[in-house]
Amino acid sequence: MEYFTSDTHFFHEELLQSNNFAPRPFNFLEDEHPAMIKAWNDRVGETDTVYHLGDIAMVNHIRPAKLGHEMIAGILDQLNGHIVIIKGNHDSRALFKYLAAHNPVLSDGKPKYEFEDVGRIIKANHHQFFLTHYPMMFGQTPSSINLHGHIHHYSVPVQENINVGVDSADLDYLMADERPAWSTPLTMNEIELIIQRKHDDFAKRR
């Protein structure tokens, strides 16, 4: 199975204290991190694939930098599955280099981590998905969808752009009984529901 997420921002304590920007349902990292790990592992199996569209963590203030990389690896090691990481603005090539040097092989014989500096294209359900950290603006197309993160609790007012971040406003297109626990990586079926409902929403506005 394949899953999608973005902007987990592990170790970003300031987000827990914000009432205005990307508010999170936790007061302390000691509560947030275990809940996020559980939400991920309750859905993702050992050899499933998660496309993480950037901004894994916020450790830019940690010195030496290697300690920050070790902290991130300590979280990622607890998460099930293969993780394809699209570089976000808070991710560094030094982090990618560290993870590549400490890349466990899972039970299917494949490495846990893959890395992309810009993005990746996958095809599914008659769609071509452009997986990027930053939203792409390529206009109305019959089959191309941009899955992205970066903008947190905002939604791009374009129906071809779907924000898959943990605090995305596009998640509001899922009904209460359809919406997974906060920070759970999304299934392709959930993304397809969001795509259809966002499309229907924009059609009503015309």
N, C-alpha and C. Protein backbone atom coordinates (compact mmCIF):
# COMPACT_ATOMS: atom_id res chain seq x y z
N MET A 1 0.84 -1.20 0.00
CA MET A 1 0.00 0.00 0.00
C MET A 1 0.88 1.26 0.00
N GLU A 2 0.33 2.32 -0.55
CA GLU A 2 1.01 3.60 -0.60
C GLU A 2 0.22 4.65 0.18
N TYR A 3 0.95 5.50 0.89
CA TYR A 3 0.34 6.53 1.71
C TYR A 3 1.07 7.85 1.50
N PHE A 4 0.44 8.94 1.97
CA PHE A 4 0.96 10.27 1.67
C PHE A 4 0.80 11.18 2.89
N THR A 5 1.84 11.97 3.16
CA THR A 5 1.78 12.92 4.26
C THR A 5 2.79 14.02 4.02
N SER A 6 2.77 15.03 4.88
CA SER A 6 3.73 16.12 4.78
C SER A 6 3.72 16.92 6.07
N ASP A 7 4.79 17.67 6.27
CA ASP A 7 4.86 18.68 7.33
C ASP A 7 4.58 18.11 8.72
N THR A 8 5.23 17.00 9.03
CA THR A 8 5.09 16.46 10.38
C THR A 8 5.75 17.37 11.41
N HIS A 9 6.81 18.04 11.05
CA HIS A 9 7.47 19.02 11.92
C HIS A 9 7.73 18.45 13.33
N PHE A 10 8.30 17.26 13.38
CA PHE A 10 8.71 16.73 14.68
C PHE A 10 9.68 17.73 15.35
N PHE A 11 9.62 17.81 16.65
CA PHE A 11 10.48 18.66 17.48
C PHE A 11 10.21 20.16 17.32
N HIS A 12 9.13 20.53 16.62
CA HIS A 12 8.83 21.95 16.41
C HIS A 12 7.89 22.42 17.53
N GLU A 13 8.48 22.71 18.65
CA GLU A 13 7.70 23.03 19.85
C GLU A 13 6.89 24.31 19.70
N GLU A 14 7.37 25.26 18.89
CA GLU A 14 6.66 26.53 18.74
C GLU A 14 5.27 26.33 18.14
N LEU A 15 5.10 25.32 17.30
CA LEU A 15 3.78 25.08 16.71
C LEU A 15 2.75 24.71 17.79
N LEU A 16 3.21 24.08 18.86
CA LEU A 16 2.29 23.69 19.92
C LEU A 16 1.79 24.91 20.70
N GLN A 17 2.51 25.99 20.62
CA GLN A 17 2.17 27.19 21.38
C GLN A 17 1.48 28.24 20.54
N SER A 18 1.20 27.92 19.27
CA SER A 18 0.60 28.90 18.36
C SER A 18 -0.91 28.73 18.31
N ASN A 19 -1.61 29.85 18.45
CA ASN A 19 -3.06 29.84 18.29
C ASN A 19 -3.47 30.29 16.89
N ASN A 20 -2.52 30.75 16.12
CA ASN A 20 -2.84 31.34 14.82
C ASN A 20 -2.30 30.54 13.64
N PHE A 21 -1.10 29.97 13.80
CA PHE A 21 -0.49 29.28 12.67
C PHE A 21 -0.45 27.79 12.93
N ALA A 22 -1.15 27.04 12.09
CA ALA A 22 -1.10 25.57 12.13
C ALA A 22 -1.23 25.02 13.55
N PRO A 23 -2.29 25.38 14.27
CA PRO A 23 -2.43 24.88 15.65
C PRO A 23 -2.51 23.35 15.68
N ARG A 24 -1.92 22.77 16.72
CA ARG A 24 -1.87 21.32 16.86
C ARG A 24 -2.58 20.89 18.14
N PRO A 25 -3.15 19.70 18.16
CA PRO A 25 -3.97 19.28 19.31
C PRO A 25 -3.15 18.75 20.49
N PHE A 26 -1.98 19.35 20.73
CA PHE A 26 -1.12 18.92 21.83
C PHE A 26 -0.47 20.14 22.47
N ASN A 27 -0.13 20.00 23.71
CA ASN A 27 0.57 21.06 24.43
C ASN A 27 2.06 20.78 24.60
N PHE A 28 2.45 19.50 24.49
CA PHE A 28 3.84 19.13 24.76
C PHE A 28 4.31 18.11 23.72
N LEU A 29 5.59 18.22 23.33
CA LEU A 29 6.15 17.24 22.40
C LEU A 29 6.07 15.84 22.97
N GLU A 30 6.18 15.72 24.28
CA GLU A 30 6.14 14.40 24.92
C GLU A 30 4.80 13.70 24.70
N ASP A 31 3.76 14.47 24.41
CA ASP A 31 2.45 13.90 24.07
C ASP A 31 2.27 13.77 22.56
N GLU A 32 2.77 14.77 21.83
CA GLU A 32 2.56 14.80 20.39
C GLU A 32 3.29 13.65 19.68
N HIS A 33 4.57 13.48 19.97
CA HIS A 33 5.35 12.50 19.23
C HIS A 33 4.80 11.07 19.35
N PRO A 34 4.52 10.55 20.55
CA PRO A 34 3.96 9.19 20.63
C PRO A 34 2.64 9.05 19.89
N ALA A 35 1.79 10.10 19.94
CA ALA A 35 0.51 10.04 19.24
C ALA A 35 0.71 9.98 17.73
N MET A 36 1.66 10.75 17.22
CA MET A 36 1.93 10.75 15.79
C MET A 36 2.51 9.42 15.33
N ILE A 37 3.42 8.87 16.13
CA ILE A 37 4.01 7.57 15.79
C ILE A 37 2.94 6.49 15.79
N LYS A 38 2.05 6.52 16.77
CA LYS A 38 0.97 5.53 16.85
C LYS A 38 0.03 5.67 15.66
N ALA A 39 -0.36 6.90 15.32
CA ALA A 39 -1.27 7.11 14.19
C ALA A 39 -0.67 6.57 12.90
N TRP A 40 0.61 6.80 12.72
CA TRP A 40 1.32 6.29 11.52
C TRP A 40 1.32 4.77 11.53
N ASN A 41 1.76 4.17 12.62
CA ASN A 41 1.94 2.72 12.65
C ASN A 41 0.63 1.95 12.72
N ASP A 42 -0.44 2.59 13.18
CA ASP A 42 -1.75 1.93 13.16
C ASP A 42 -2.24 1.71 11.74
N ARG A 43 -1.71 2.49 10.80
CA ARG A 43 -2.15 2.36 9.41
C ARG A 43 -1.09 1.74 8.51
N VAL A 44 0.14 2.13 8.67
CA VAL A 44 1.21 1.74 7.75
C VAL A 44 1.83 0.42 8.19
N GLY A 45 1.93 -0.53 7.26
CA GLY A 45 2.55 -1.81 7.55
C GLY A 45 4.06 -1.76 7.37
N GLU A 46 4.70 -2.85 7.72
CA GLU A 46 6.17 -2.90 7.76
C GLU A 46 6.81 -2.60 6.42
N THR A 47 6.19 -3.06 5.32
CA THR A 47 6.81 -2.85 4.00
C THR A 47 5.93 -1.99 3.09
N ASP A 48 4.96 -1.28 3.65
CA ASP A 48 4.23 -0.29 2.88
C ASP A 48 5.14 0.88 2.55
N THR A 49 4.68 1.78 1.67
CA THR A 49 5.45 2.95 1.29
C THR A 49 4.70 4.22 1.66
N VAL A 50 5.39 5.14 2.32
CA VAL A 50 4.83 6.44 2.64
C VAL A 50 5.63 7.50 1.89
N TYR A 51 4.93 8.31 1.12
CA TYR A 51 5.55 9.46 0.48
C TYR A 51 5.42 10.64 1.44
N HIS A 52 6.54 11.07 1.98
CA HIS A 52 6.56 12.21 2.91
C HIS A 52 7.02 13.42 2.12
N LEU A 53 6.11 14.40 1.97
CA LEU A 53 6.38 15.51 1.06
C LEU A 53 7.07 16.69 1.73
N GLY A 54 7.91 16.38 2.70
CA GLY A 54 8.83 17.39 3.20
C GLY A 54 8.50 17.98 4.56
N ASP A 55 9.52 18.61 5.12
CA ASP A 55 9.48 19.20 6.46
C ASP A 55 9.20 18.12 7.51
N ILE A 56 10.14 17.20 7.60
CA ILE A 56 10.04 16.11 8.56
C ILE A 56 10.07 16.64 9.98
N ALA A 57 11.02 17.52 10.24
CA ALA A 57 11.26 17.96 11.61
C ALA A 57 11.86 19.36 11.61
N MET A 58 11.91 19.94 12.77
CA MET A 58 12.48 21.28 12.94
C MET A 58 13.58 21.18 14.00
N VAL A 59 14.81 20.99 13.54
CA VAL A 59 15.94 20.85 14.46
C VAL A 59 17.08 21.79 14.07
N ASN A 60 16.76 22.84 13.34
CA ASN A 60 17.80 23.74 12.85
C ASN A 60 18.58 24.40 13.99
N HIS A 61 17.97 24.47 15.16
CA HIS A 61 18.60 25.13 16.30
C HIS A 61 19.53 24.19 17.08
N ILE A 62 19.52 22.91 16.74
CA ILE A 62 20.32 21.92 17.47
C ILE A 62 21.77 21.96 17.00
N ARG A 63 22.68 21.99 17.95
CA ARG A 63 24.11 21.94 17.64
C ARG A 63 24.77 20.90 18.53
N PRO A 64 25.68 20.08 17.98
CA PRO A 64 26.04 20.05 16.57
C PRO A 64 24.89 19.52 15.70
N ALA A 65 24.94 19.82 14.41
CA ALA A 65 23.86 19.43 13.50
C ALA A 65 23.66 17.92 13.49
N LYS A 66 24.75 17.17 13.68
CA LYS A 66 24.63 15.71 13.68
C LYS A 66 23.68 15.23 14.77
N LEU A 67 23.65 15.92 15.89
CA LEU A 67 22.72 15.54 16.96
C LEU A 67 21.28 15.69 16.50
N GLY A 68 20.99 16.75 15.76
CA GLY A 68 19.66 16.92 15.21
C GLY A 68 19.31 15.80 14.24
N HIS A 69 20.27 15.41 13.42
CA HIS A 69 20.04 14.31 12.48
C HIS A 69 19.76 13.00 13.24
N GLU A 70 20.49 12.78 14.32
CA GLU A 70 20.27 11.58 15.13
C GLU A 70 18.88 11.59 15.77
N MET A 71 18.44 12.77 16.19
CA MET A 71 17.10 12.89 16.79
C MET A 71 16.02 12.54 15.77
N ILE A 72 16.18 13.05 14.55
CA ILE A 72 15.20 12.75 13.49
C ILE A 72 15.22 11.27 13.16
N ALA A 73 16.42 10.71 13.02
CA ALA A 73 16.52 9.27 12.72
C ALA A 73 15.88 8.44 13.82
N GLY A 74 16.01 8.89 15.07
CA GLY A 74 15.40 8.17 16.17
C GLY A 74 13.90 8.11 16.07
N ILE A 75 13.27 9.17 15.54
CA ILE A 75 11.82 9.16 15.30
C ILE A 75 11.50 8.28 14.09
N LEU A 76 12.19 8.51 12.99
CA LEU A 76 11.87 7.78 11.75
C LEU A 76 12.06 6.28 11.91
N ASP A 77 13.02 5.88 12.72
CA ASP A 77 13.25 4.45 12.95
C ASP A 77 12.04 3.79 13.61
N GLN A 78 11.22 4.58 14.28
CA GLN A 78 10.04 4.02 14.96
C GLN A 78 8.82 3.95 14.04
N LEU A 79 8.93 4.51 12.84
CA LEU A 79 7.81 4.54 11.90
C LEU A 79 7.89 3.37 10.94
N ASN A 80 6.78 2.69 10.75
CA ASN A 80 6.72 1.56 9.83
C ASN A 80 6.92 2.00 8.39
N GLY A 81 7.40 1.07 7.58
CA GLY A 81 7.38 1.23 6.14
C GLY A 81 8.60 1.88 5.53
N HIS A 82 8.58 1.84 4.19
CA HIS A 82 9.54 2.59 3.40
C HIS A 82 9.08 4.03 3.34
N ILE A 83 10.02 4.96 3.43
CA ILE A 83 9.68 6.38 3.42
C ILE A 83 10.42 7.06 2.28
N VAL A 84 9.66 7.55 1.32
CA VAL A 84 10.22 8.34 0.22
C VAL A 84 10.10 9.80 0.64
N ILE A 85 11.22 10.47 0.83
CA ILE A 85 11.23 11.82 1.38
C ILE A 85 11.48 12.83 0.27
N ILE A 86 10.49 13.70 0.05
CA ILE A 86 10.65 14.83 -0.86
C ILE A 86 11.19 16.00 -0.03
N LYS A 87 12.26 16.61 -0.46
CA LYS A 87 12.92 17.63 0.36
C LYS A 87 12.03 18.85 0.57
N GLY A 88 11.82 19.22 1.83
CA GLY A 88 11.10 20.43 2.17
C GLY A 88 12.05 21.55 2.53
N ASN A 89 11.53 22.73 2.79
CA ASN A 89 12.40 23.87 3.09
C ASN A 89 13.08 23.76 4.45
N HIS A 90 12.57 22.87 5.33
CA HIS A 90 13.24 22.66 6.62
C HIS A 90 14.05 21.36 6.65
N ASP A 91 14.17 20.70 5.50
CA ASP A 91 15.01 19.50 5.39
C ASP A 91 16.32 19.90 4.70
N SER A 92 17.37 19.19 5.02
CA SER A 92 18.68 19.54 4.45
C SER A 92 19.29 18.34 3.74
N ARG A 93 20.15 18.63 2.82
CA ARG A 93 20.89 17.55 2.16
C ARG A 93 21.80 16.84 3.15
N ALA A 94 22.26 17.57 4.17
CA ALA A 94 23.07 16.93 5.21
C ALA A 94 22.25 15.87 5.94
N LEU A 95 20.97 16.16 6.19
CA LEU A 95 20.09 15.16 6.80
C LEU A 95 19.93 13.97 5.87
N PHE A 96 19.69 14.23 4.59
CA PHE A 96 19.55 13.13 3.63
C PHE A 96 20.82 12.28 3.61
N LYS A 97 21.98 12.94 3.65
CA LYS A 97 23.24 12.19 3.64
C LYS A 97 23.37 11.33 4.89
N TYR A 98 22.94 11.88 6.03
CA TYR A 98 23.01 11.11 7.28
C TYR A 98 22.08 9.90 7.21
N LEU A 99 20.84 10.11 6.77
CA LEU A 99 19.89 9.00 6.70
C LEU A 99 20.33 7.95 5.67
N ALA A 100 20.92 8.40 4.57
CA ALA A 100 21.41 7.45 3.57
C ALA A 100 22.51 6.57 4.13
N ALA A 101 23.31 7.14 5.04
CA ALA A 101 24.40 6.38 5.66
C ALA A 101 23.90 5.49 6.80
N HIS A 102 22.67 5.71 7.24
CA HIS A 102 22.07 4.92 8.31
C HIS A 102 20.70 4.45 7.83
N ASN A 103 20.72 3.69 6.74
CA ASN A 103 19.49 3.33 6.02
C ASN A 103 19.21 1.84 6.20
N PRO A 104 18.35 1.49 7.16
CA PRO A 104 18.11 0.07 7.41
C PRO A 104 17.42 -0.62 6.24
N VAL A 105 17.70 -1.89 6.09
CA VAL A 105 17.05 -2.71 5.07
C VAL A 105 15.87 -3.42 5.73
N LEU A 106 14.70 -3.28 5.13
CA LEU A 106 13.50 -3.88 5.71
C LEU A 106 13.37 -5.34 5.29
N SER A 107 12.33 -5.98 5.77
CA SER A 107 12.20 -7.44 5.58
C SER A 107 12.02 -7.84 4.12
N ASP A 108 11.65 -6.89 3.26
CA ASP A 108 11.52 -7.20 1.83
C ASP A 108 12.83 -6.99 1.08
N GLY A 109 13.91 -6.69 1.82
CA GLY A 109 15.22 -6.54 1.21
C GLY A 109 15.49 -5.16 0.62
N LYS A 110 14.57 -4.21 0.82
CA LYS A 110 14.74 -2.87 0.26
C LYS A 110 15.07 -1.88 1.37
N PRO A 111 15.82 -0.83 1.04
CA PRO A 111 16.17 0.17 2.06
C PRO A 111 14.94 0.94 2.53
N LYS A 112 15.00 1.41 3.76
CA LYS A 112 13.88 2.13 4.34
C LYS A 112 13.66 3.48 3.67
N TYR A 113 14.74 4.19 3.33
CA TYR A 113 14.61 5.56 2.87
C TYR A 113 14.98 5.70 1.40
N GLU A 114 14.22 6.55 0.71
CA GLU A 114 14.57 7.07 -0.61
C GLU A 114 14.44 8.59 -0.53
N PHE A 115 15.13 9.29 -1.43
CA PHE A 115 15.20 10.74 -1.33
C PHE A 115 14.98 11.38 -2.69
N GLU A 116 14.27 12.51 -2.67
CA GLU A 116 14.07 13.33 -3.87
C GLU A 116 14.29 14.78 -3.50
N ASP A 117 15.12 15.48 -4.26
CA ASP A 117 15.36 16.90 -3.99
C ASP A 117 14.17 17.77 -4.39
N VAL A 118 13.48 17.42 -5.47
CA VAL A 118 12.42 18.28 -6.01
C VAL A 118 11.05 17.61 -5.93
N GLY A 119 10.94 16.39 -6.42
CA GLY A 119 9.64 15.73 -6.41
C GLY A 119 9.68 14.40 -7.13
N ARG A 120 8.51 13.81 -7.24
CA ARG A 120 8.37 12.54 -7.93
C ARG A 120 7.01 12.50 -8.60
N ILE A 121 6.93 11.77 -9.69
CA ILE A 121 5.65 11.59 -10.40
C ILE A 121 5.25 10.13 -10.28
N ILE A 122 4.00 9.90 -9.88
CA ILE A 122 3.46 8.55 -9.87
C ILE A 122 2.12 8.57 -10.60
N LYS A 123 1.72 7.41 -11.10
CA LYS A 123 0.44 7.30 -11.81
C LYS A 123 -0.45 6.32 -11.07
N ALA A 124 -1.71 6.71 -10.89
CA ALA A 124 -2.69 5.84 -10.22
C ALA A 124 -4.09 6.34 -10.53
N ASN A 125 -5.01 5.40 -10.69
CA ASN A 125 -6.43 5.74 -10.87
C ASN A 125 -6.65 6.79 -11.97
N HIS A 126 -5.96 6.60 -13.07
CA HIS A 126 -6.09 7.50 -14.23
C HIS A 126 -5.63 8.92 -13.95
N HIS A 127 -4.86 9.11 -12.90
CA HIS A 127 -4.28 10.41 -12.60
C HIS A 127 -2.76 10.33 -12.68
N GLN A 128 -2.16 11.44 -13.00
CA GLN A 128 -0.71 11.62 -12.88
C GLN A 128 -0.50 12.55 -11.70
N PHE A 129 0.13 12.03 -10.64
CA PHE A 129 0.33 12.80 -9.42
C PHE A 129 1.75 13.36 -9.37
N PHE A 130 1.83 14.67 -9.24
CA PHE A 130 3.11 15.34 -9.04
C PHE A 130 3.28 15.53 -7.54
N LEU A 131 4.24 14.84 -6.96
CA LEU A 131 4.48 14.90 -5.51
C LEU A 131 5.59 15.90 -5.25
N THR A 132 5.26 17.02 -4.61
CA THR A 132 6.23 18.08 -4.35
C THR A 132 6.00 18.62 -2.94
N HIS A 133 6.99 19.34 -2.42
CA HIS A 133 6.77 20.02 -1.15
C HIS A 133 5.98 21.30 -1.37
N TYR A 134 6.46 22.12 -2.28
CA TYR A 134 5.79 23.38 -2.57
C TYR A 134 4.65 23.17 -3.55
N PRO A 135 3.55 23.90 -3.41
CA PRO A 135 2.47 23.79 -4.40
C PRO A 135 2.96 24.19 -5.79
N MET A 136 2.53 23.44 -6.78
CA MET A 136 2.82 23.76 -8.17
C MET A 136 1.58 24.36 -8.80
N MET A 137 1.76 25.34 -9.65
CA MET A 137 0.63 25.96 -10.33
C MET A 137 0.74 25.67 -11.82
N PHE A 138 0.13 24.56 -12.26
CA PHE A 138 0.21 24.24 -13.68
C PHE A 138 -1.15 24.33 -14.36
N GLY A 139 -2.14 24.93 -13.70
CA GLY A 139 -3.42 25.20 -14.35
C GLY A 139 -4.29 23.97 -14.48
N GLN A 140 -5.46 24.18 -15.05
CA GLN A 140 -6.42 23.08 -15.18
C GLN A 140 -5.91 22.06 -16.18
N THR A 141 -5.93 20.81 -15.75
CA THR A 141 -5.52 19.71 -16.61
C THR A 141 -6.54 18.58 -16.44
N PRO A 142 -6.69 17.73 -17.43
CA PRO A 142 -7.69 16.67 -17.31
C PRO A 142 -7.31 15.56 -16.35
N SER A 143 -6.01 15.37 -16.09
CA SER A 143 -5.64 14.20 -15.29
C SER A 143 -4.51 14.44 -14.30
N SER A 144 -3.90 15.61 -14.30
CA SER A 144 -2.74 15.86 -13.44
C SER A 144 -3.16 16.50 -12.13
N ILE A 145 -2.63 15.97 -11.04
CA ILE A 145 -2.93 16.46 -9.70
C ILE A 145 -1.61 16.71 -8.98
N ASN A 146 -1.51 17.83 -8.30
CA ASN A 146 -0.33 18.13 -7.48
C ASN A 146 -0.65 17.84 -6.02
N LEU A 147 0.01 16.84 -5.47
CA LEU A 147 -0.02 16.59 -4.04
C LEU A 147 1.17 17.31 -3.42
N HIS A 148 0.93 18.11 -2.39
CA HIS A 148 1.97 18.97 -1.85
C HIS A 148 1.75 19.17 -0.36
N GLY A 149 2.67 19.91 0.24
CA GLY A 149 2.54 20.32 1.63
C GLY A 149 2.86 21.80 1.73
N HIS A 150 3.68 22.17 2.69
CA HIS A 150 4.29 23.48 2.88
C HIS A 150 3.37 24.54 3.47
N ILE A 151 2.09 24.59 3.08
CA ILE A 151 1.24 25.73 3.46
C ILE A 151 0.39 25.43 4.69
N HIS A 152 0.62 24.30 5.33
CA HIS A 152 0.00 23.95 6.61
C HIS A 152 -1.53 24.06 6.56
N HIS A 153 -2.13 24.94 7.33
CA HIS A 153 -3.59 24.93 7.47
C HIS A 153 -4.29 25.75 6.39
N TYR A 154 -3.59 26.01 5.29
CA TYR A 154 -4.20 26.68 4.16
C TYR A 154 -4.47 25.69 3.03
N SER A 155 -5.33 26.11 2.12
CA SER A 155 -5.64 25.32 0.93
C SER A 155 -5.44 26.19 -0.29
N VAL A 156 -4.75 25.66 -1.30
CA VAL A 156 -4.61 26.40 -2.56
C VAL A 156 -5.98 26.46 -3.23
N PRO A 157 -6.45 27.64 -3.63
CA PRO A 157 -7.78 27.75 -4.25
C PRO A 157 -7.79 27.30 -5.71
N VAL A 158 -7.23 26.13 -5.93
CA VAL A 158 -7.17 25.51 -7.25
C VAL A 158 -7.51 24.04 -7.04
N GLN A 159 -8.44 23.52 -7.81
CA GLN A 159 -8.92 22.16 -7.52
C GLN A 159 -7.91 21.08 -7.84
N GLU A 160 -6.90 21.39 -8.65
CA GLU A 160 -5.87 20.39 -8.98
C GLU A 160 -4.77 20.30 -7.92
N ASN A 161 -4.80 21.15 -6.93
CA ASN A 161 -3.80 21.14 -5.87
C ASN A 161 -4.41 20.58 -4.59
N ILE A 162 -3.79 19.52 -4.05
CA ILE A 162 -4.28 18.89 -2.83
C ILE A 162 -3.16 18.92 -1.79
N ASN A 163 -3.43 19.58 -0.68
CA ASN A 163 -2.48 19.66 0.42
C ASN A 163 -2.65 18.42 1.30
N VAL A 164 -1.60 17.60 1.40
CA VAL A 164 -1.67 16.36 2.18
C VAL A 164 -0.96 16.49 3.53
N GLY A 165 -0.64 17.73 3.93
CA GLY A 165 0.01 17.95 5.21
C GLY A 165 -0.87 17.54 6.38
N VAL A 166 -0.24 17.28 7.52
CA VAL A 166 -0.98 16.78 8.68
C VAL A 166 -2.02 17.77 9.18
N ASP A 167 -1.81 19.07 8.89
CA ASP A 167 -2.75 20.08 9.35
C ASP A 167 -3.43 20.80 8.18
N SER A 168 -3.60 20.10 7.07
CA SER A 168 -4.15 20.67 5.84
C SER A 168 -5.63 21.01 5.96
N ALA A 169 -6.01 22.14 5.38
CA ALA A 169 -7.43 22.50 5.29
C ALA A 169 -8.16 21.60 4.31
N ASP A 170 -7.46 21.00 3.35
CA ASP A 170 -8.13 20.11 2.40
C ASP A 170 -8.67 18.86 3.07
N LEU A 171 -8.19 18.53 4.25
CA LEU A 171 -8.74 17.39 4.98
C LEU A 171 -10.20 17.61 5.38
N ASP A 172 -10.64 18.87 5.35
CA ASP A 172 -12.03 19.16 5.68
C ASP A 172 -13.00 18.63 4.63
N TYR A 173 -12.48 18.22 3.48
CA TYR A 173 -13.34 17.59 2.47
C TYR A 173 -13.72 16.16 2.85
N LEU A 174 -13.07 15.61 3.87
CA LEU A 174 -13.46 14.30 4.39
C LEU A 174 -14.49 14.48 5.50
N MET A 175 -15.51 13.62 5.51
CA MET A 175 -16.51 13.66 6.56
C MET A 175 -15.89 13.21 7.88
N ALA A 176 -16.55 13.55 8.98
CA ALA A 176 -15.99 13.24 10.30
C ALA A 176 -15.73 11.76 10.46
N ASP A 177 -16.61 10.90 9.92
CA ASP A 177 -16.44 9.46 10.08
C ASP A 177 -15.46 8.88 9.06
N GLU A 178 -14.99 9.70 8.13
CA GLU A 178 -14.01 9.25 7.12
C GLU A 178 -12.60 9.71 7.48
N ARG A 179 -12.51 10.70 8.30
CA ARG A 179 -11.23 11.35 8.56
C ARG A 179 -10.43 10.55 9.58
N PRO A 180 -9.20 10.18 9.23
CA PRO A 180 -8.39 9.39 10.17
C PRO A 180 -7.89 10.24 11.33
N ALA A 181 -7.30 9.59 12.31
CA ALA A 181 -6.71 10.30 13.44
C ALA A 181 -5.70 11.32 12.95
N TRP A 182 -5.58 12.41 13.71
CA TRP A 182 -4.69 13.50 13.31
C TRP A 182 -3.28 12.98 13.05
N SER A 183 -2.72 13.40 11.93
CA SER A 183 -1.37 13.11 11.45
C SER A 183 -1.23 11.75 10.79
N THR A 184 -2.33 11.00 10.64
CA THR A 184 -2.28 9.71 9.95
C THR A 184 -1.98 9.91 8.46
N PRO A 185 -1.01 9.23 7.88
CA PRO A 185 -0.80 9.32 6.44
C PRO A 185 -2.06 8.92 5.67
N LEU A 186 -2.32 9.61 4.59
CA LEU A 186 -3.55 9.42 3.83
C LEU A 186 -3.42 8.27 2.83
N THR A 187 -4.52 7.55 2.64
CA THR A 187 -4.59 6.54 1.60
C THR A 187 -4.91 7.20 0.26
N MET A 188 -4.69 6.47 -0.81
CA MET A 188 -5.07 6.98 -2.12
C MET A 188 -6.59 7.14 -2.22
N ASN A 189 -7.35 6.24 -1.58
CA ASN A 189 -8.81 6.39 -1.59
C ASN A 189 -9.25 7.69 -0.93
N GLU A 190 -8.62 8.04 0.18
CA GLU A 190 -8.96 9.31 0.85
C GLU A 190 -8.60 10.50 -0.02
N ILE A 191 -7.46 10.41 -0.70
CA ILE A 191 -7.06 11.49 -1.59
C ILE A 191 -8.03 11.61 -2.75
N GLU A 192 -8.49 10.50 -3.28
CA GLU A 192 -9.45 10.55 -4.38
C GLU A 192 -10.77 11.19 -3.93
N LEU A 193 -11.20 10.93 -2.68
CA LEU A 193 -12.40 11.58 -2.16
C LEU A 193 -12.20 13.09 -2.07
N ILE A 194 -11.03 13.49 -1.59
CA ILE A 194 -10.74 14.92 -1.48
C ILE A 194 -10.73 15.57 -2.87
N ILE A 195 -10.11 14.90 -3.84
CA ILE A 195 -10.07 15.43 -5.20
C ILE A 195 -11.48 15.63 -5.74
N GLN A 196 -12.33 14.62 -5.60
CA GLN A 196 -13.68 14.71 -6.15
C GLN A 196 -14.50 15.79 -5.46
N ARG A 197 -14.40 15.86 -4.15
CA ARG A 197 -15.20 16.84 -3.42
C ARG A 197 -14.70 18.26 -3.61
N LYS A 198 -13.40 18.42 -3.76
CA LYS A 198 -12.87 19.75 -4.06
C LYS A 198 -13.32 20.17 -5.45
N HIS A 199 -13.31 19.23 -6.38
CA HIS A 199 -13.79 19.50 -7.73
C HIS A 199 -15.26 19.90 -7.71
N ASP A 200 -16.08 19.15 -6.96
CA ASP A 200 -17.51 19.46 -6.87
C ASP A 200 -17.73 20.82 -6.21
N ASP A 201 -16.94 21.12 -5.19
CA ASP A 201 -17.04 22.39 -4.50
C ASP A 201 -16.77 23.55 -5.45
N PHE A 202 -15.74 23.42 -6.28
CA PHE A 202 -15.40 24.49 -7.22
C PHE A 202 -16.45 24.60 -8.32
N ALA A 203 -17.04 23.46 -8.70
CA ALA A 203 -18.09 23.49 -9.73
C ALA A 203 -19.30 24.29 -9.26
N LYS A 204 -19.60 24.21 -7.96
CA LYS A 204 -20.74 24.96 -7.41
C LYS A 204 -20.49 26.46 -7.42
N ARG A 205 -19.23 26.86 -7.43
CA ARG A 205 -18.90 28.28 -7.37
C ARG A 205 -18.95 28.97 -8.71
N ARG A 206 -19.04 28.18 -9.77
CA ARG A 206 -19.00 28.77 -11.11
C ARG A 206 -20.32 29.46 -11.46
